[in-house]
Amino acid sequence: MKNYNVNRIEKNILQINGLGDNPFWNKAEILTDFVSPWDEINPDKIEFKALWDTENIYFCYTVYDANVHIDGQDDSIDSIGESDRVEIFFRTDETLNPYYCIEIDPTPRIMDFTASPAKKFDFDWNWPENDITVKSQIKENYFVVEIAISIQSLQNFHLIKGNILEAGLYRAKYKKQENNLYEPTWISWVNPNTETPNFHVASSFGTLTLL
């Protein structure tokens, strides 16, 4: 499995603001090896970083994109699901029963839900509000999404085992077609080796190791 090392920082020194410019992000490893196995064109650059302290795990996506697509301005699942976004899935184990999905567009709107095999989704579920913070900014040629998730909530959902989190890192890019409709390009850290785009399989996950 692919692995990303999450470096540790001192407690409460990283304050996210949606810009990804806090100097403590320099302590994080930069992950850029995202692929779109089902698309002939290589995706634009994506930078992912993560850090942790005893209270939270922090994530930062910097997505290079000069044509960000946002569908609508309400908070509906359909609207978020038709927009450019970044995604993080966490699983308890390879059975995917259950796994937890957080999808965030650049505004930022959150679509969070639990899932089980065969794409059985529970959209009535939400990550506990006090255990997740999301901030974002859209710039001329890129957008940033920063996320802070409490260690306690990850433990409550049995997602941290020792110092390992099993996670999928993804991106959806919507492109305007000749018929003026928008179609998605699906981008993943781990190539799941599926014939058609599918993040909801065990083979799309890697590991995050808390150092």
Protein backbone atom coordinates (compact mmCIF):
# COMPACT_ATOMS: atom_id res chain seq x y z
CA MET A 1 0.00 0.00 0.00
CA LYS A 2 1.08 3.55 -0.61
CA ASN A 3 2.04 5.40 2.54
CA TYR A 4 2.28 9.06 3.52
CA ASN A 5 4.12 10.08 6.69
CA VAL A 6 2.31 12.64 8.86
CA ASN A 7 4.81 14.64 10.87
CA ARG A 8 4.04 15.75 14.41
CA ILE A 9 3.99 19.34 15.61
CA GLU A 10 3.46 20.95 18.99
CA LYS A 11 -0.09 21.25 20.26
CA ASN A 12 -2.23 24.19 19.08
CA ILE A 13 0.45 25.96 17.04
CA LEU A 14 -1.18 25.40 13.65
CA GLN A 15 -4.19 27.63 13.06
CA ILE A 16 -5.86 26.96 9.71
CA ASN A 17 -7.15 29.94 7.72
CA GLY A 18 -7.92 28.45 4.30
CA LEU A 19 -4.77 29.90 2.72
CA GLY A 20 -2.35 27.09 3.48
CA ASP A 21 0.28 29.71 4.30
CA ASN A 22 0.94 28.96 7.95
CA PRO A 23 4.73 28.50 8.23
CA PHE A 24 4.26 25.29 10.18
CA TRP A 25 3.05 23.63 6.95
CA ASN A 26 6.73 23.68 5.94
CA LYS A 27 7.20 20.82 8.40
CA ALA A 28 4.91 18.58 6.33
CA GLU A 29 5.89 16.24 3.55
CA ILE A 30 4.42 17.26 0.18
CA LEU A 31 2.48 14.60 -1.68
CA THR A 32 1.90 15.23 -5.40
CA ASP A 33 1.59 11.79 -7.01
CA PHE A 34 -2.09 11.92 -7.92
CA VAL A 35 -3.31 10.09 -11.01
CA SER A 36 -6.39 9.87 -13.19
CA PRO A 37 -6.21 6.28 -14.47
CA TRP A 38 -9.39 6.59 -16.52
CA ASP A 39 -8.45 9.79 -18.35
CA GLU A 40 -5.87 10.23 -21.11
CA ILE A 41 -4.83 13.70 -19.92
CA ASN A 42 -2.66 14.00 -16.83
CA PRO A 43 -4.40 15.97 -14.08
CA ASP A 44 -3.21 19.41 -13.06
CA LYS A 45 -0.92 19.51 -10.06
CA ILE A 46 -2.33 18.76 -6.62
CA GLU A 47 -0.34 19.19 -3.42
CA PHE A 48 -1.46 17.40 -0.26
CA LYS A 49 0.03 17.96 3.19
CA ALA A 50 -0.83 16.63 6.63
CA LEU A 51 0.39 17.27 10.17
CA TRP A 52 -0.81 16.20 13.59
CA ASP A 53 -0.62 17.09 17.24
CA THR A 54 -2.22 15.49 20.30
CA GLU A 55 -5.53 17.21 19.56
CA ASN A 56 -6.01 17.18 15.78
CA ILE A 57 -4.88 15.95 12.43
CA TYR A 58 -4.55 18.75 9.88
CA PHE A 59 -4.90 18.36 6.12
CA CYS A 60 -4.19 20.83 3.33
CA TYR A 61 -5.03 20.46 -0.35
CA THR A 62 -3.61 22.98 -2.82
CA VAL A 63 -5.25 22.34 -6.20
CA TYR A 64 -3.90 24.13 -9.25
CA ASP A 65 -6.94 25.05 -11.33
CA ALA A 66 -7.72 28.30 -13.14
CA ASN A 67 -11.30 27.23 -13.98
CA VAL A 68 -12.93 26.14 -10.75
CA HIS A 69 -16.47 24.86 -11.25
CA ILE A 70 -19.01 25.42 -8.48
CA ASP A 71 -22.56 24.17 -9.06
CA GLY A 72 -25.15 26.36 -7.35
CA GLN A 73 -24.93 28.04 -3.99
CA ASP A 74 -27.06 25.84 -1.74
CA ASP A 75 -25.79 23.09 0.53
CA SER A 76 -27.55 20.20 -1.16
CA ILE A 77 -25.81 16.91 -1.81
CA ASP A 78 -26.54 17.25 -5.53
CA SER A 79 -24.98 20.71 -5.73
CA ILE A 80 -21.79 19.74 -3.92
CA GLY A 81 -21.67 16.47 -5.84
CA GLU A 82 -21.62 18.35 -9.15
CA SER A 83 -18.80 20.71 -8.11
CA ASP A 84 -15.02 20.59 -8.14
CA ARG A 85 -13.95 19.20 -4.77
CA VAL A 86 -11.39 17.31 -2.75
CA GLU A 87 -12.17 14.19 -0.77
CA ILE A 88 -10.83 12.13 2.12
CA PHE A 89 -12.18 8.69 2.99
CA PHE A 90 -11.28 6.81 6.16
CA ARG A 91 -11.90 3.11 6.68
CA THR A 92 -11.84 0.85 9.71
CA ASP A 93 -10.34 -1.99 7.66
CA GLU A 94 -10.28 -3.42 4.14
CA THR A 95 -13.84 -4.76 4.43
CA LEU A 96 -15.06 -1.15 4.12
CA ASN A 97 -17.74 -1.88 6.67
CA PRO A 98 -18.00 0.92 7.47
CA TYR A 99 -15.99 3.73 5.94
CA TYR A 100 -16.35 7.48 6.36
CA CYS A 101 -16.36 10.02 3.55
CA ILE A 102 -15.67 13.75 3.64
CA GLU A 103 -16.01 15.69 0.37
CA ILE A 104 -15.36 19.43 0.33
CA ASP A 105 -15.74 21.97 -2.44
CA PRO A 106 -13.72 25.22 -2.56
CA THR A 107 -16.43 27.44 -1.04
CA PRO A 108 -16.21 25.34 1.35
CA ARG A 109 -19.30 23.16 1.53
CA ILE A 110 -19.04 19.74 3.14
CA MET A 111 -20.70 16.53 2.01
CA ASP A 112 -19.98 13.94 4.69
CA PHE A 113 -21.51 10.50 4.99
CA THR A 114 -20.88 6.96 6.10
CA ALA A 115 -20.76 4.11 3.63
CA SER A 116 -20.64 0.35 3.43
CA PRO A 117 -19.84 -2.04 0.57
CA ALA A 118 -21.70 -1.82 -2.75
CA LYS A 119 -21.95 1.98 -2.39
CA LYS A 120 -24.51 2.01 0.37
CA PHE A 121 -24.39 5.61 1.54
CA ASP A 122 -25.95 7.23 4.61
CA PHE A 123 -26.20 10.94 3.80
CA ASP A 124 -28.09 11.61 7.03
CA TRP A 125 -24.86 11.06 8.94
CA ASN A 126 -22.48 13.94 9.65
CA TRP A 127 -19.04 14.12 11.18
CA PRO A 128 -19.57 15.63 14.65
CA GLU A 129 -19.61 19.38 14.15
CA ASN A 130 -17.27 20.16 17.03
CA ASP A 131 -14.69 17.68 15.72
CA ILE A 132 -14.10 19.09 12.24
CA THR A 133 -13.12 22.52 10.94
CA VAL A 134 -12.84 23.37 7.25
CA LYS A 135 -11.60 26.58 5.63
CA SER A 136 -10.83 27.43 2.01
CA GLN A 137 -9.79 30.11 -0.45
CA ILE A 138 -10.12 30.36 -4.22
CA LYS A 139 -7.24 32.17 -5.92
CA GLU A 140 -6.60 33.03 -9.58
CA ASN A 141 -4.83 29.80 -10.51
CA TYR A 142 -5.51 27.49 -7.59
CA PHE A 143 -7.66 26.84 -4.58
CA VAL A 144 -6.83 25.69 -1.07
CA VAL A 145 -8.84 23.53 1.33
CA GLU A 146 -7.64 23.10 4.90
CA ILE A 147 -9.19 20.62 7.32
CA ALA A 148 -8.70 19.96 11.02
CA ILE A 149 -10.18 16.74 12.46
CA SER A 150 -9.99 15.86 16.13
CA ILE A 151 -7.95 12.84 17.14
CA GLN A 152 -10.73 11.92 19.56
CA SER A 153 -13.31 11.57 16.81
CA LEU A 154 -11.01 9.38 14.75
CA GLN A 155 -10.50 7.19 17.79
CA ASN A 156 -14.23 7.10 18.47
CA PHE A 157 -14.80 5.70 14.99
CA HIS A 158 -11.95 3.18 15.43
CA LEU A 159 -9.98 4.72 12.57
CA ILE A 160 -6.59 5.01 14.27
CA LYS A 161 -4.80 1.74 14.90
CA GLY A 162 -1.53 2.28 16.68
CA ASN A 163 -0.19 5.15 14.62
CA ILE A 164 -1.83 4.21 11.32
CA LEU A 165 -4.84 5.65 9.50
CA GLU A 166 -6.14 3.93 6.38
CA ALA A 167 -7.30 6.66 4.03
CA GLY A 168 -8.14 7.50 0.45
CA LEU A 169 -7.25 10.91 -1.01
CA TYR A 170 -9.18 12.07 -4.05
CA ARG A 171 -10.21 14.98 -6.26
CA ALA A 172 -13.13 15.52 -8.63
CA LYS A 173 -12.65 18.00 -11.50
CA TYR A 174 -15.66 19.04 -13.56
CA LYS A 175 -14.95 20.14 -17.13
CA LYS A 176 -17.32 21.83 -19.56
CA GLN A 177 -18.03 19.74 -22.65
CA GLU A 178 -19.02 20.76 -26.18
CA ASN A 179 -22.67 20.22 -25.23
CA ASN A 180 -22.19 22.78 -22.39
CA LEU A 181 -22.66 20.08 -19.76
CA TYR A 182 -20.03 19.42 -17.11
CA GLU A 183 -18.47 15.99 -16.79
CA PRO A 184 -16.14 14.82 -14.01
CA THR A 185 -12.55 13.72 -14.17
CA TRP A 186 -11.77 11.48 -11.20
CA ILE A 187 -8.34 11.78 -9.61
CA SER A 188 -6.86 9.57 -6.88
CA TRP A 189 -3.67 9.23 -4.84
CA VAL A 190 -3.84 5.44 -5.20
CA ASN A 191 -4.69 3.84 -8.52
CA PRO A 192 -7.50 1.42 -7.62
CA ASN A 193 -7.03 -0.50 -10.88
CA THR A 194 -10.72 -0.54 -11.71
CA GLU A 195 -12.06 -0.58 -15.25
CA THR A 196 -14.26 2.47 -14.63
CA PRO A 197 -13.84 5.31 -12.11
CA ASN A 198 -14.49 4.07 -8.59
CA PHE A 199 -13.11 5.38 -5.32
CA HIS A 200 -15.44 3.18 -3.26
CA VAL A 201 -13.24 0.10 -3.32
CA ALA A 202 -10.60 -1.18 -0.92
CA SER A 203 -7.85 -0.85 -3.54
CA SER A 204 -8.15 2.96 -3.61
CA PHE A 205 -6.86 3.36 -0.03
CA GLY A 206 -3.36 3.93 1.32
CA THR A 207 -1.99 4.52 4.79
CA LEU A 208 -1.18 7.66 6.75
CA THR A 209 1.49 7.01 9.37
CA LEU A 210 1.61 9.37 12.35
CA LEU A 211 5.27 9.92 13.18
